[in-house]
Amino acid sequence: MDLDFLYNMNEGPLRSGLIVLGAAVVAAVVAVIIHRVGIMLIRRIARGHLFTTTATEVAYNASRLCLILFLLRLVLTGAPDNTPGLTSVSYLTSVALILALTWFLIRCVKSVSVAVIKLNPYDVADNLKARRILTQTRVLSRSAYFIIALLGLSFVLLTLPGARQFGASLLASAGVAGIVAGIAAKPVLGNFFAGLQIAFSQPIRIDDVLIVKGEWGRVEEITGTFVVIRIWDERRMIVPLQWFIENPFENWTHTSATILGTVFLWMDFSVPTQQVRAEFERVCKTLPLWDKRVCVMHVTDAGERNMQIRLLVSAADSGSAFELRCQIREHMIAFIAKNHPHALPRLRAEVQARNDPDAPGAIIDGSPKEGGG
């Protein structure tokens, strides 16, 4: 094979390009080796430290790419000026490095949120504190993603030729354009600041039980722009973040998951209330869903035909309260129907015989009885 052309290249562009290409390949291999060894050392040194070990797992690929692009950028910085396509390749490498650093920072934030969630599991009975931390972590991490991505895009635009002139022209025409941009960005910025407000003031949290627009459901997810509520029948309600700042709603688990449940019974006035109360208290003690806090019976209303009995019980959460109310309602109706059937609501009516001479107002021989109505 004739290799004389390699000696004839001297210091030409082709030789420079081959040298830079070889140096780039070597730099990429060295970067991969350094990255792998460095990660192994960090994991050994930080063994037992959840945040550090999680960061080495979540940001592994992003950190490796950043190191490869950094060494390639060093190679291109020292490349000869006559290297073919040096300017274009250098620019693309710089933009790729900025994007890789943006990705790396996002993964670092992600690793922190993952570590925090691992330290505060919310799949336990008393998860109020864990849900509060989980909500803050998710909302703040998504806000950090937005800010980091925005900064990364800004740095990419700054590398474009004439970007500063473009920015100056935008500032010069900021009169009408600023108003239009402000109106267009109002929903986005409103949801962004609403997310920050929810993260710190926490009117809602992950897994909170809410009543929104008459629907009962749990907070399944809080994103950067909306909240996903899982309705009891497996439907999903999507509500913008800003809605929770501007509108009233019910939160049944804001300070505690415990809740009171009521069962209403309409009974006849002849019902023996003491026996009903004794049976109600007895059955409460046999039901495992009752949390042993409240078990009270009151006659809360009386009308012209019957009276209203309220059975008040307590449970650990709203789901348990619903089941407990159903069980108590079924048992008490069966108890009253079996032991005191006369106490069930009934409509009284008196029927009089037409020709009964003793009945007031009876008609005899076509004429009303004296004293009749």
Protein backbone atom coordinates (compact mmCIF):
# COMPACT_ATOMS: atom_id res chain seq x y z
CA MET A 1 0.00 0.00 0.00
CA ASP A 2 1.33 3.38 -0.96
CA LEU A 3 1.44 5.66 2.08
CA ASP A 4 3.56 8.37 0.51
CA PHE A 5 0.60 10.78 0.54
CA LEU A 6 0.83 10.93 4.33
CA TYR A 7 4.34 12.33 4.10
CA ASN A 8 3.31 14.81 1.42
CA MET A 9 0.54 16.34 3.49
CA ASN A 10 3.09 18.27 5.61
CA GLU A 11 1.07 20.76 7.60
CA GLY A 12 -1.97 20.85 5.34
CA PRO A 13 -5.66 20.93 6.41
CA LEU A 14 -6.11 17.19 5.88
CA ARG A 15 -3.36 16.32 8.31
CA SER A 16 -4.70 18.77 10.87
CA GLY A 17 -8.18 17.32 10.54
CA LEU A 18 -6.93 13.75 11.02
CA ILE A 19 -4.90 14.76 14.05
CA VAL A 20 -7.88 16.59 15.62
CA LEU A 21 -10.18 13.65 14.88
CA GLY A 22 -7.75 11.20 16.49
CA ALA A 23 -7.34 13.46 19.50
CA ALA A 24 -11.13 13.74 19.81
CA VAL A 25 -11.56 9.96 19.82
CA VAL A 26 -8.82 9.59 22.44
CA ALA A 27 -10.42 12.37 24.54
CA ALA A 28 -13.81 10.65 24.39
CA VAL A 29 -12.32 7.33 25.52
CA VAL A 30 -10.37 9.02 28.31
CA ALA A 31 -13.51 10.87 29.42
CA VAL A 32 -15.48 7.62 29.65
CA ILE A 33 -12.71 5.95 31.69
CA ILE A 34 -12.30 8.94 34.02
CA HIS A 35 -16.06 9.16 34.51
CA ARG A 36 -16.45 5.48 35.36
CA VAL A 37 -13.54 5.49 37.79
CA GLY A 38 -14.75 8.74 39.37
CA ILE A 39 -18.27 7.41 39.88
CA MET A 40 -16.90 4.24 41.50
CA LEU A 41 -14.78 6.29 43.90
CA ILE A 42 -17.65 8.62 44.76
CA ARG A 43 -19.97 5.71 45.47
CA ARG A 44 -17.39 4.04 47.68
CA ILE A 45 -16.62 7.22 49.60
CA ALA A 46 -20.27 8.24 49.92
CA ARG A 47 -21.55 4.80 50.83
CA GLY A 48 -24.56 5.25 53.12
CA HIS A 49 -25.23 8.83 51.98
CA LEU A 50 -28.54 8.63 50.13
CA PHE A 51 -28.34 11.98 48.33
CA THR A 52 -24.88 11.34 46.85
CA THR A 53 -25.53 7.76 45.79
CA THR A 54 -28.87 8.74 44.26
CA ALA A 55 -27.19 11.55 42.32
CA THR A 56 -24.62 9.13 40.87
CA GLU A 57 -27.47 6.93 39.65
CA VAL A 58 -29.91 9.53 38.33
CA ALA A 59 -27.32 11.86 36.75
CA TYR A 60 -24.95 9.14 35.50
CA ASN A 61 -25.51 9.52 31.76
CA ALA A 62 -25.78 13.30 31.87
CA SER A 63 -22.49 13.70 33.76
CA ARG A 64 -20.70 11.35 31.37
CA LEU A 65 -21.91 13.33 28.36
CA CYS A 66 -20.82 16.60 29.97
CA LEU A 67 -17.32 15.25 30.59
CA ILE A 68 -16.98 13.94 27.02
CA LEU A 69 -18.09 17.25 25.51
CA PHE A 70 -15.83 19.21 27.85
CA LEU A 71 -12.73 17.27 26.78
CA LEU A 72 -13.76 17.57 23.12
CA ARG A 73 -14.07 21.31 23.61
CA LEU A 74 -10.55 21.40 25.01
CA VAL A 75 -9.28 19.48 21.97
CA LEU A 76 -10.99 21.89 19.57
CA THR A 77 -9.62 24.87 21.47
CA GLY A 78 -6.06 23.69 20.81
CA ALA A 79 -6.72 22.61 17.22
CA PRO A 80 -4.81 24.37 14.38
CA ASP A 81 -6.63 27.18 12.61
CA ASN A 82 -6.49 25.40 9.25
CA THR A 83 -8.51 22.42 10.51
CA PRO A 84 -11.46 21.86 8.13
CA GLY A 85 -14.80 22.93 9.62
CA LEU A 86 -13.23 23.97 12.91
CA THR A 87 -15.53 26.96 13.46
CA SER A 88 -18.76 25.04 12.82
CA VAL A 89 -17.72 22.02 14.87
CA SER A 90 -16.57 24.26 17.76
CA TYR A 91 -19.90 26.10 17.76
CA LEU A 92 -21.93 22.89 17.70
CA THR A 93 -19.80 21.43 20.49
CA SER A 94 -20.33 24.55 22.62
CA VAL A 95 -24.10 24.42 22.12
CA ALA A 96 -24.12 20.68 22.88
CA LEU A 97 -22.08 21.30 26.05
CA ILE A 98 -24.56 23.96 27.23
CA LEU A 99 -27.48 21.61 26.60
CA ALA A 100 -25.67 18.74 28.32
CA LEU A 101 -24.98 20.92 31.37
CA THR A 102 -28.64 21.91 31.43
CA TRP A 103 -29.62 18.25 31.33
CA PHE A 104 -27.09 17.48 34.08
CA LEU A 105 -28.49 20.20 36.38
CA ILE A 106 -32.05 18.96 35.79
CA ARG A 107 -30.99 15.41 36.65
CA CYS A 108 -29.26 16.67 39.80
CA VAL A 109 -32.49 18.34 40.92
CA LYS A 110 -34.30 15.13 40.06
CA SER A 111 -31.89 13.13 42.21
CA VAL A 112 -32.56 15.40 45.18
CA SER A 113 -36.32 14.98 44.81
CA VAL A 114 -35.96 11.20 44.50
CA ALA A 115 -33.82 11.06 47.64
CA VAL A 116 -36.28 13.20 49.59
CA ILE A 117 -39.18 10.96 48.55
CA LYS A 118 -37.22 7.87 49.60
CA LEU A 119 -36.55 9.41 53.01
CA ASN A 120 -40.22 10.31 53.48
CA PRO A 121 -42.44 7.45 52.22
CA TYR A 122 -46.12 8.40 52.16
CA ASP A 123 -47.59 4.91 51.86
CA VAL A 124 -48.00 4.69 55.65
CA ALA A 125 -50.95 5.26 57.97
CA ASP A 126 -49.88 8.65 59.37
CA ASN A 127 -48.49 10.28 56.23
CA LEU A 128 -49.43 13.94 56.77
CA LYS A 129 -45.81 15.11 57.12
CA ALA A 130 -44.62 12.91 54.26
CA ARG A 131 -47.35 14.24 51.94
CA ARG A 132 -46.44 17.82 52.85
CA ILE A 133 -42.77 17.21 52.02
CA LEU A 134 -43.68 15.30 48.86
CA THR A 135 -45.85 18.15 47.59
CA GLN A 136 -43.18 20.76 48.26
CA THR A 137 -40.51 18.62 46.64
CA ARG A 138 -42.46 17.94 43.45
CA VAL A 139 -43.68 21.48 42.93
CA LEU A 140 -40.29 23.06 43.68
CA SER A 141 -38.41 20.56 41.54
CA ARG A 142 -40.68 21.24 38.56
CA SER A 143 -40.20 24.98 39.09
CA ALA A 144 -36.44 24.39 39.15
CA TYR A 145 -36.70 22.40 35.90
CA PHE A 146 -38.43 25.35 34.26
CA ILE A 147 -35.85 27.87 35.47
CA ILE A 148 -32.87 25.68 34.49
CA ALA A 149 -34.31 24.99 31.05
CA LEU A 150 -34.98 28.70 30.56
CA LEU A 151 -31.40 29.58 31.54
CA GLY A 152 -30.00 26.88 29.26
CA LEU A 153 -32.01 28.20 26.33
CA SER A 154 -30.85 31.73 27.11
CA PHE A 155 -27.19 30.71 27.06
CA VAL A 156 -27.72 28.89 23.75
CA LEU A 157 -29.26 32.02 22.25
CA LEU A 158 -26.36 34.11 23.52
CA THR A 159 -23.96 31.98 21.48
CA LEU A 160 -25.81 32.88 18.27
CA PRO A 161 -24.25 35.66 16.19
CA GLY A 162 -26.18 38.88 16.68
CA ALA A 163 -28.09 37.60 19.69
CA ARG A 164 -27.22 40.67 21.73
CA GLN A 165 -28.35 42.96 18.91
CA PHE A 166 -31.56 40.96 18.78
CA GLY A 167 -32.03 41.48 22.51
CA ALA A 168 -31.35 45.19 22.17
CA SER A 169 -33.95 45.49 19.42
CA LEU A 170 -36.46 43.68 21.62
CA LEU A 171 -35.80 46.13 24.44
CA ALA A 172 -36.16 49.05 22.02
CA SER A 173 -39.58 47.82 20.89
CA ALA A 174 -40.73 46.73 24.33
CA GLY A 175 -43.69 49.09 24.30
CA VAL A 176 -46.46 47.24 22.50
CA ALA A 177 -44.59 43.93 22.36
CA GLY A 178 -44.19 43.89 26.12
CA ILE A 179 -47.93 44.31 26.65
CA VAL A 180 -48.78 41.58 24.13
CA ALA A 181 -46.20 39.21 25.61
CA GLY A 182 -47.45 39.91 29.13
CA ILE A 183 -51.05 39.14 28.18
CA ALA A 184 -50.01 35.98 26.31
CA ALA A 185 -47.81 34.76 29.18
CA LYS A 186 -50.30 35.54 31.95
CA PRO A 187 -51.73 31.97 32.24
CA VAL A 188 -48.26 30.43 32.24
CA LEU A 189 -46.82 32.85 34.77
CA GLY A 190 -49.99 32.69 36.86
CA ASN A 191 -49.76 28.91 37.13
CA PHE A 192 -46.01 29.14 37.81
CA PHE A 193 -46.43 31.51 40.76
CA ALA A 194 -49.51 29.59 41.91
CA GLY A 195 -47.34 26.46 42.02
CA LEU A 196 -44.79 28.23 44.19
CA GLN A 197 -47.54 29.50 46.48
CA ILE A 198 -49.04 26.02 46.78
CA ALA A 199 -45.59 24.57 47.54
CA PHE A 200 -45.04 26.91 50.49
CA SER A 201 -48.56 27.59 51.85
CA GLN A 202 -49.83 24.10 50.92
CA PRO A 203 -53.59 24.44 50.67
CA ILE A 204 -53.40 21.05 48.92
CA ARG A 205 -50.94 18.16 49.05
CA ILE A 206 -50.42 14.88 47.27
CA ASP A 207 -53.09 12.35 48.34
CA ASP A 208 -55.29 15.01 49.97
CA VAL A 209 -59.04 14.37 49.89
CA LEU A 210 -60.81 17.30 48.20
CA ILE A 211 -64.31 18.34 47.24
CA VAL A 212 -63.91 20.29 43.99
CA LYS A 213 -66.99 21.46 42.11
CA GLY A 214 -69.10 18.92 43.97
CA GLU A 215 -66.79 15.97 43.19
CA TRP A 216 -65.04 13.87 45.86
CA GLY A 217 -61.52 12.76 44.99
CA ARG A 218 -57.86 12.54 45.95
CA VAL A 219 -54.96 14.62 44.65
CA GLU A 220 -53.09 12.21 42.40
CA GLU A 221 -50.51 14.54 40.86
CA ILE A 222 -49.42 18.19 41.03
CA THR A 223 -47.63 19.33 37.88
CA GLY A 224 -46.22 22.73 36.97
CA THR A 225 -49.53 23.87 35.45
CA PHE A 226 -52.38 21.72 36.73
CA VAL A 227 -53.55 19.29 39.41
CA VAL A 228 -54.85 15.80 38.66
CA ILE A 229 -57.67 14.71 40.99
CA ARG A 230 -58.67 11.05 41.01
CA ILE A 231 -62.43 10.92 41.47
CA TRP A 232 -63.89 8.06 43.54
CA ASP A 233 -65.23 6.32 40.40
CA GLU A 234 -61.76 6.32 38.72
CA ARG A 235 -62.37 9.45 36.66
CA ARG A 236 -59.71 12.16 36.54
CA MET A 237 -60.42 15.86 36.99
CA ILE A 238 -57.79 18.26 35.62
CA VAL A 239 -57.78 21.60 37.43
CA PRO A 240 -55.35 24.50 36.75
CA LEU A 241 -53.08 25.41 39.64
CA GLN A 242 -54.30 28.98 39.71
CA TRP A 243 -57.88 27.79 40.32
CA PHE A 244 -56.95 26.61 43.83
CA ILE A 245 -55.61 30.07 44.67
CA GLU A 246 -58.66 31.94 43.40
CA ASN A 247 -61.57 29.65 44.38
CA PRO A 248 -62.81 28.05 47.62
CA PHE A 249 -62.79 24.27 47.95
CA GLU A 250 -63.01 21.64 50.69
CA ASN A 251 -59.91 19.83 51.95
CA TRP A 252 -60.83 16.95 54.24
CA THR A 253 -57.22 16.08 55.14
CA HIS A 254 -55.62 19.50 55.54
CA THR A 255 -54.57 19.02 59.17
CA SER A 256 -55.68 15.45 59.83
CA ALA A 257 -57.27 12.55 57.98
CA THR A 258 -59.71 11.81 60.82
CA ILE A 259 -63.31 12.76 60.11
CA LEU A 260 -66.81 12.55 61.55
CA GLY A 261 -69.60 10.76 59.72
CA THR A 262 -73.36 11.04 60.18
CA VAL A 263 -76.23 8.60 59.68
CA PHE A 264 -79.77 10.04 59.66
CA LEU A 265 -82.80 7.93 60.49
CA TRP A 266 -86.43 9.09 60.28
CA MET A 267 -88.45 7.29 62.94
CA ASP A 268 -91.96 7.34 64.33
CA PHE A 269 -92.51 9.16 67.62
CA SER A 270 -93.09 5.83 69.36
CA VAL A 271 -89.50 4.65 68.83
CA PRO A 272 -87.71 3.76 72.12
CA THR A 273 -84.73 6.09 71.84
CA GLN A 274 -82.84 4.62 74.81
CA GLN A 275 -82.90 1.12 73.32
CA VAL A 276 -81.85 2.48 69.92
CA ARG A 277 -78.98 4.40 71.56
CA ALA A 278 -77.82 1.32 73.46
CA GLU A 279 -77.84 -0.79 70.29
CA PHE A 280 -76.00 1.92 68.37
CA GLU A 281 -73.24 2.15 70.98
CA ARG A 282 -72.99 -1.64 71.12
CA VAL A 283 -72.61 -2.08 67.38
CA CYS A 284 -70.02 0.72 67.16
CA LYS A 285 -67.76 -1.20 69.53
CA THR A 286 -67.92 -4.26 67.28
CA LEU A 287 -66.96 -2.47 64.04
CA PRO A 288 -63.19 -2.25 63.37
CA LEU A 289 -63.58 0.89 61.22
CA TRP A 290 -64.67 2.93 64.26
CA ASP A 291 -61.65 4.74 65.74
CA LYS A 292 -63.20 4.89 69.27
CA ARG A 293 -63.41 8.68 69.43
CA VAL A 294 -67.04 9.69 68.82
CA CYS A 295 -70.22 7.60 69.07
CA VAL A 296 -73.20 9.84 69.83
CA MET A 297 -76.94 9.72 69.08
CA HIS A 298 -79.23 12.76 69.10
CA VAL A 299 -82.78 13.52 68.10
CA THR A 300 -82.03 16.50 65.88
CA ASP A 301 -85.45 17.31 64.42
CA ALA A 302 -89.15 16.58 64.75
CA GLY A 303 -91.85 17.17 62.17
CA GLU A 304 -95.58 16.67 62.03
CA ARG A 305 -95.24 12.99 61.06
CA ASN A 306 -91.88 11.69 62.35
CA MET A 307 -88.64 12.67 64.03
CA GLN A 308 -85.05 12.67 62.85
CA ILE A 309 -82.31 10.73 64.67
CA ARG A 310 -78.67 11.53 63.96
CA LEU A 311 -76.00 8.92 64.61
CA LEU A 312 -72.57 10.56 64.78
CA VAL A 313 -69.44 8.40 64.48
CA SER A 314 -65.74 8.99 63.85
CA ALA A 315 -63.24 7.21 61.60
CA ALA A 316 -59.57 7.39 60.68
CA ASP A 317 -60.20 8.73 57.16
CA SER A 318 -63.01 9.60 54.77
CA GLY A 319 -63.00 6.23 53.02
CA SER A 320 -63.37 4.38 56.31
CA ALA A 321 -66.06 6.82 57.42
CA PHE A 322 -68.15 6.09 54.33
CA GLU A 323 -67.95 2.33 54.88
CA LEU A 324 -68.66 2.73 58.60
CA ARG A 325 -71.76 4.83 57.92
CA CYS A 326 -73.11 2.25 55.49
CA GLN A 327 -72.56 -0.59 57.97
CA ILE A 328 -74.24 1.30 60.82
CA ARG A 329 -77.18 2.36 58.63
CA GLU A 330 -77.80 -1.21 57.48
CA HIS A 331 -77.56 -2.64 60.99
CA MET A 332 -79.77 -0.06 62.67
CA ILE A 333 -82.52 -0.31 60.05
CA ALA A 334 -82.52 -4.10 60.40
CA PHE A 335 -82.54 -3.83 64.22
CA ILE A 336 -85.49 -1.43 64.31
CA ALA A 337 -87.43 -3.37 61.67
CA LYS A 338 -87.00 -6.59 63.65
CA ASN A 339 -87.44 -5.39 67.23
CA HIS A 340 -89.53 -2.22 66.88
CA PRO A 341 -91.42 -2.36 63.59
CA HIS A 342 -94.02 0.08 64.89
CA ALA A 343 -91.27 2.71 65.12
CA LEU A 344 -90.72 2.86 61.39
CA PRO A 345 -92.14 5.96 59.68
CA ARG A 346 -95.82 5.54 58.82
CA LEU A 347 -98.70 7.60 57.53
CA ARG A 348 -101.74 7.59 59.88
CA ALA A 349 -105.23 7.62 58.42
CA GLU A 350 -108.67 6.95 59.92
CA VAL A 351 -111.34 5.17 57.87
CA GLN A 352 -114.96 5.46 59.05
CA ALA A 353 -117.90 3.27 57.99
CA ARG A 354 -120.52 5.09 55.94
CA ASN A 355 -123.53 3.74 57.87
CA ASP A 356 -121.91 3.42 61.31
CA PRO A 357 -124.27 5.34 63.59
CA ASP A 358 -121.57 5.72 66.26
CA ALA A 359 -119.09 7.39 63.91
CA PRO A 360 -119.07 11.20 64.00
CA GLY A 361 -120.35 12.62 60.76
CA ALA A 362 -121.87 9.28 59.59
CA ILE A 363 -124.64 9.51 57.00
CA ILE A 364 -127.88 7.67 57.86
CA ASP A 365 -130.75 7.62 55.40
CA GLY A 366 -129.13 10.35 53.37
CA SER A 367 -128.92 12.78 56.34
CA PRO A 368 -125.86 13.48 58.49
CA LYS A 369 -125.91 12.39 62.12
CA GLU A 370 -126.36 15.17 64.65
CA GLY A 371 -123.11 16.34 66.04
CA GLY A 372 -121.27 15.26 62.91
CA GLY A 373 -118.68 17.41 61.20
